[in-house]
Amino acid sequence: MDFVFPWPTSQGEWLAWSSAVVTLALGLVLFLAPNLAFRILRLQVKPEKAAAIAEGRGRMSGFYLGVSLCCILLAQPWLYMALGFSWLFTAFGRLLSMMSDGANTPFNWASIIVELVLAALPLAFVFGFLP
């Protein structure tokens, strides 16, 4: 059985694939440069809690890298659906935090827009809104 890299063939698949590539890039930044990623995300690690860096490198980057690589390497609709719903729940969690935790900031508004776009691209492809 030969493994062939599944290159996107339609406009919708290109958009879903692009969402996976952006997710992969975010995962690589979290994996390779967690301090930089935390500064971008406006998170601060306490010096006495150095294990927080391991959370960024392990838990946070692991899902980004795992799901995005599966989407890129296998290009299956169910995987794109998992990617889209993951970003959708990320946006929903941010929205809940904005409403209940007092996190209504311009950074969170910009982040929620990016997350909704990253969710919409693969979901629109999977549900047939994009050819």
C-alpha atoms as a PDB file:
ATOM      1  CA  MET A   1       0.000   0.000   0.000  1.00  0.00           C
ATOM      2  CA  ASP A   2       1.505   3.296  -1.092  1.00  0.00           C
ATOM      3  CA  PHE A   3       0.988   6.463   0.854  1.00  0.00           C
ATOM      4  CA  VAL A   4       0.166   9.385  -1.405  1.00  0.00           C
ATOM      5  CA  PHE A   5       0.009  12.934  -0.105  1.00  0.00           C
ATOM      6  CA  PRO A   6      -3.604  14.053  -0.702  1.00  0.00           C
ATOM      7  CA  TRP A   7      -3.303  17.448  -2.363  1.00  0.00           C
ATOM      8  CA  PRO A   8      -6.498  19.570  -2.198  1.00  0.00           C
ATOM      9  CA  THR A   9      -8.431  19.535  -5.456  1.00  0.00           C
ATOM     10  CA  SER A  10     -11.398  21.867  -4.967  1.00  0.00           C
ATOM     11  CA  GLN A  11     -11.804  25.399  -3.679  1.00  0.00           C
ATOM     12  CA  GLY A  12     -13.605  24.208  -0.546  1.00  0.00           C
ATOM     13  CA  GLU A  13     -10.939  21.635   0.188  1.00  0.00           C
ATOM     14  CA  TRP A  14      -8.235  24.281  -0.246  1.00  0.00           C
ATOM     15  CA  LEU A  15      -9.955  26.488   2.322  1.00  0.00           C
ATOM     16  CA  ALA A  16     -10.345  23.612   4.786  1.00  0.00           C
ATOM     17  CA  TRP A  17      -6.704  22.651   4.178  1.00  0.00           C
ATOM     18  CA  SER A  18      -5.681  26.274   4.796  1.00  0.00           C
ATOM     19  CA  SER A  19      -7.383  26.198   8.191  1.00  0.00           C
ATOM     20  CA  ALA A  20      -5.398  23.047   9.001  1.00  0.00           C
ATOM     21  CA  VAL A  21      -2.136  24.719   7.919  1.00  0.00           C
ATOM     22  CA  VAL A  22      -2.811  27.769  10.122  1.00  0.00           C
ATOM     23  CA  THR A  23      -3.600  25.418  13.015  1.00  0.00           C
ATOM     24  CA  LEU A  24      -0.365  23.549  12.336  1.00  0.00           C
ATOM     25  CA  ALA A  25       1.594  26.818  12.378  1.00  0.00           C
ATOM     26  CA  LEU A  26       0.042  27.799  15.710  1.00  0.00           C
ATOM     27  CA  GLY A  27       0.845  24.365  17.111  1.00  0.00           C
ATOM     28  CA  LEU A  28       4.458  24.604  15.951  1.00  0.00           C
ATOM     29  CA  VAL A  29       4.892  27.996  17.608  1.00  0.00           C
ATOM     30  CA  LEU A  30       3.471  26.599  20.857  1.00  0.00           C
ATOM     31  CA  PHE A  31       5.663  23.508  20.572  1.00  0.00           C
ATOM     32  CA  LEU A  32       8.950  25.141  19.570  1.00  0.00           C
ATOM     33  CA  ALA A  33       8.684  28.586  21.188  1.00  0.00           C
ATOM     34  CA  PRO A  34       6.131  28.459  24.005  1.00  0.00           C
ATOM     35  CA  ASN A  35       7.400  31.680  25.627  1.00  0.00           C
ATOM     36  CA  LEU A  36       6.816  33.577  22.373  1.00  0.00           C
ATOM     37  CA  ALA A  37       3.400  31.947  21.963  1.00  0.00           C
ATOM     38  CA  PHE A  38       2.427  32.901  25.508  1.00  0.00           C
ATOM     39  CA  ARG A  39       3.427  36.527  24.854  1.00  0.00           C
ATOM     40  CA  ILE A  40       1.322  36.538  21.673  1.00  0.00           C
ATOM     41  CA  LEU A  41      -1.615  35.027  23.586  1.00  0.00           C
ATOM     42  CA  ARG A  42      -1.057  37.536  26.407  1.00  0.00           C
ATOM     43  CA  LEU A  43      -0.407  34.812  28.973  1.00  0.00           C
ATOM     44  CA  GLN A  44       2.210  35.153  31.664  1.00  0.00           C
ATOM     45  CA  VAL A  45       4.056  32.306  33.335  1.00  0.00           C
ATOM     46  CA  LYS A  46       5.090  32.809  36.942  1.00  0.00           C
ATOM     47  CA  PRO A  47       8.804  32.074  37.503  1.00  0.00           C
ATOM     48  CA  GLU A  48       7.981  29.634  40.308  1.00  0.00           C
ATOM     49  CA  LYS A  49       5.553  27.763  38.003  1.00  0.00           C
ATOM     50  CA  ALA A  50       7.887  26.768  35.165  1.00  0.00           C
ATOM     51  CA  ALA A  51       5.744  23.688  34.544  1.00  0.00           C
ATOM     52  CA  ALA A  52       3.256  26.017  32.828  1.00  0.00           C
ATOM     53  CA  ILE A  53       5.603  26.043  29.834  1.00  0.00           C
ATOM     54  CA  ALA A  54       5.132  22.271  29.626  1.00  0.00           C
ATOM     55  CA  GLU A  55       1.370  22.844  29.355  1.00  0.00           C
ATOM     56  CA  GLY A  56       1.885  25.044  26.311  1.00  0.00           C
ATOM     57  CA  ARG A  57       4.364  22.676  24.760  1.00  0.00           C
ATOM     58  CA  GLY A  58       2.441  19.511  25.583  1.00  0.00           C
ATOM     59  CA  ARG A  59      -1.262  19.953  26.076  1.00  0.00           C
ATOM     60  CA  MET A  60      -1.918  23.070  23.999  1.00  0.00           C
ATOM     61  CA  SER A  61       0.341  22.284  21.041  1.00  0.00           C
ATOM     62  CA  GLY A  62      -0.490  18.582  21.069  1.00  0.00           C
ATOM     63  CA  PHE A  63      -4.072  19.027  19.947  1.00  0.00           C
ATOM     64  CA  TYR A  64      -3.174  21.671  17.375  1.00  0.00           C
ATOM     65  CA  LEU A  65      -0.435  19.528  15.881  1.00  0.00           C
ATOM     66  CA  GLY A  66      -2.314  16.235  16.048  1.00  0.00           C
ATOM     67  CA  VAL A  67      -5.572  17.340  14.473  1.00  0.00           C
ATOM     68  CA  SER A  68      -3.969  19.584  11.854  1.00  0.00           C
ATOM     69  CA  LEU A  69      -1.432  16.968  10.757  1.00  0.00           C
ATOM     70  CA  CYS A  70      -4.176  14.347  10.452  1.00  0.00           C
ATOM     71  CA  CYS A  71      -6.210  16.745   8.300  1.00  0.00           C
ATOM     72  CA  ILE A  72      -3.242  17.576   6.078  1.00  0.00           C
ATOM     73  CA  LEU A  73      -1.947  14.028   5.699  1.00  0.00           C
ATOM     74  CA  LEU A  74      -5.275  12.187   5.381  1.00  0.00           C
ATOM     75  CA  ALA A  75      -7.719  14.838   4.062  1.00  0.00           C
ATOM     76  CA  GLN A  76     -10.823  13.069   5.345  1.00  0.00           C
ATOM     77  CA  PRO A  77     -14.115  14.952   5.850  1.00  0.00           C
ATOM     78  CA  TRP A  78     -14.518  13.653   9.411  1.00  0.00           C
ATOM     79  CA  LEU A  79     -11.100  15.042  10.318  1.00  0.00           C
ATOM     80  CA  TYR A  80     -11.945  18.422   8.816  1.00  0.00           C
ATOM     81  CA  MET A  81     -15.176  18.309  10.818  1.00  0.00           C
ATOM     82  CA  ALA A  82     -13.188  17.654  14.012  1.00  0.00           C
ATOM     83  CA  LEU A  83     -10.928  20.603  13.192  1.00  0.00           C
ATOM     84  CA  GLY A  84     -13.881  22.896  12.509  1.00  0.00           C
ATOM     85  CA  PHE A  85     -15.787  21.938  15.632  1.00  0.00           C
ATOM     86  CA  SER A  86     -12.637  22.285  17.731  1.00  0.00           C
ATOM     87  CA  TRP A  87     -12.223  25.887  16.563  1.00  0.00           C
ATOM     88  CA  LEU A  88     -15.957  26.493  17.003  1.00  0.00           C
ATOM     89  CA  PHE A  89     -15.839  25.343  20.630  1.00  0.00           C
ATOM     90  CA  THR A  90     -12.710  27.442  21.151  1.00  0.00           C
ATOM     91  CA  ALA A  91     -14.660  30.487  19.980  1.00  0.00           C
ATOM     92  CA  PHE A  92     -17.637  29.499  22.138  1.00  0.00           C
ATOM     93  CA  GLY A  93     -15.412  29.172  25.212  1.00  0.00           C
ATOM     94  CA  ARG A  94     -13.916  32.593  24.520  1.00  0.00           C
ATOM     95  CA  LEU A  95     -17.419  34.059  24.130  1.00  0.00           C
ATOM     96  CA  LEU A  96     -18.492  32.562  27.464  1.00  0.00           C
ATOM     97  CA  SER A  97     -15.405  34.021  29.100  1.00  0.00           C
ATOM     98  CA  MET A  98     -16.111  37.418  27.568  1.00  0.00           C
ATOM     99  CA  MET A  99     -19.665  37.356  28.935  1.00  0.00           C
ATOM    100  CA  SER A 100     -19.062  35.893  32.379  1.00  0.00           C
ATOM    101  CA  ASP A 101     -15.431  36.567  33.318  1.00  0.00           C
ATOM    102  CA  GLY A 102     -15.096  40.207  32.324  1.00  0.00           C
ATOM    103  CA  ALA A 103     -12.725  39.398  29.467  1.00  0.00           C
ATOM    104  CA  ASN A 104     -14.419  41.736  26.985  1.00  0.00           C
ATOM    105  CA  THR A 105     -11.265  43.168  25.380  1.00  0.00           C
ATOM    106  CA  PRO A 106     -10.322  44.119  21.810  1.00  0.00           C
ATOM    107  CA  PHE A 107      -7.818  41.236  21.766  1.00  0.00           C
ATOM    108  CA  ASN A 108     -10.595  38.746  22.561  1.00  0.00           C
ATOM    109  CA  TRP A 109     -12.845  40.219  19.878  1.00  0.00           C
ATOM    110  CA  ALA A 110     -10.072  39.871  17.295  1.00  0.00           C
ATOM    111  CA  SER A 111      -9.323  36.343  18.511  1.00  0.00           C
ATOM    112  CA  ILE A 112     -12.940  35.237  18.315  1.00  0.00           C
ATOM    113  CA  ILE A 113     -13.160  36.463  14.709  1.00  0.00           C
ATOM    114  CA  VAL A 114     -10.026  34.491  13.764  1.00  0.00           C
ATOM    115  CA  GLU A 115     -11.352  31.400  15.549  1.00  0.00           C
ATOM    116  CA  LEU A 116     -14.722  31.628  13.806  1.00  0.00           C
ATOM    117  CA  VAL A 117     -13.032  31.928  10.412  1.00  0.00           C
ATOM    118  CA  LEU A 118     -10.794  28.935  11.181  1.00  0.00           C
ATOM    119  CA  ALA A 119     -13.938  27.006  12.184  1.00  0.00           C
ATOM    120  CA  ALA A 120     -16.031  28.111   9.212  1.00  0.00           C
ATOM    121  CA  LEU A 121     -13.546  27.082   6.512  1.00  0.00           C
ATOM    122  CA  PRO A 122     -13.453  23.326   7.189  1.00  0.00           C
ATOM    123  CA  LEU A 123     -17.110  23.152   8.287  1.00  0.00           C
ATOM    124  CA  ALA A 124     -18.317  24.911   5.140  1.00  0.00           C
ATOM    125  CA  PHE A 125     -16.395  22.380   3.064  1.00  0.00           C
ATOM    126  CA  VAL A 126     -17.604  19.348   5.031  1.00  0.00           C
ATOM    127  CA  PHE A 127     -21.256  20.405   4.970  1.00  0.00           C
ATOM    128  CA  GLY A 128     -21.154  21.183   1.242  1.00  0.00           C
ATOM    129  CA  PHE A 129     -21.414  24.988   1.313  1.00  0.00           C
ATOM    130  CA  LEU A 130     -18.190  25.218  -0.693  1.00  0.00           C
ATOM    131  CA  PRO A 131     -17.513  23.124  -3.788  1.00  0.00           C
END
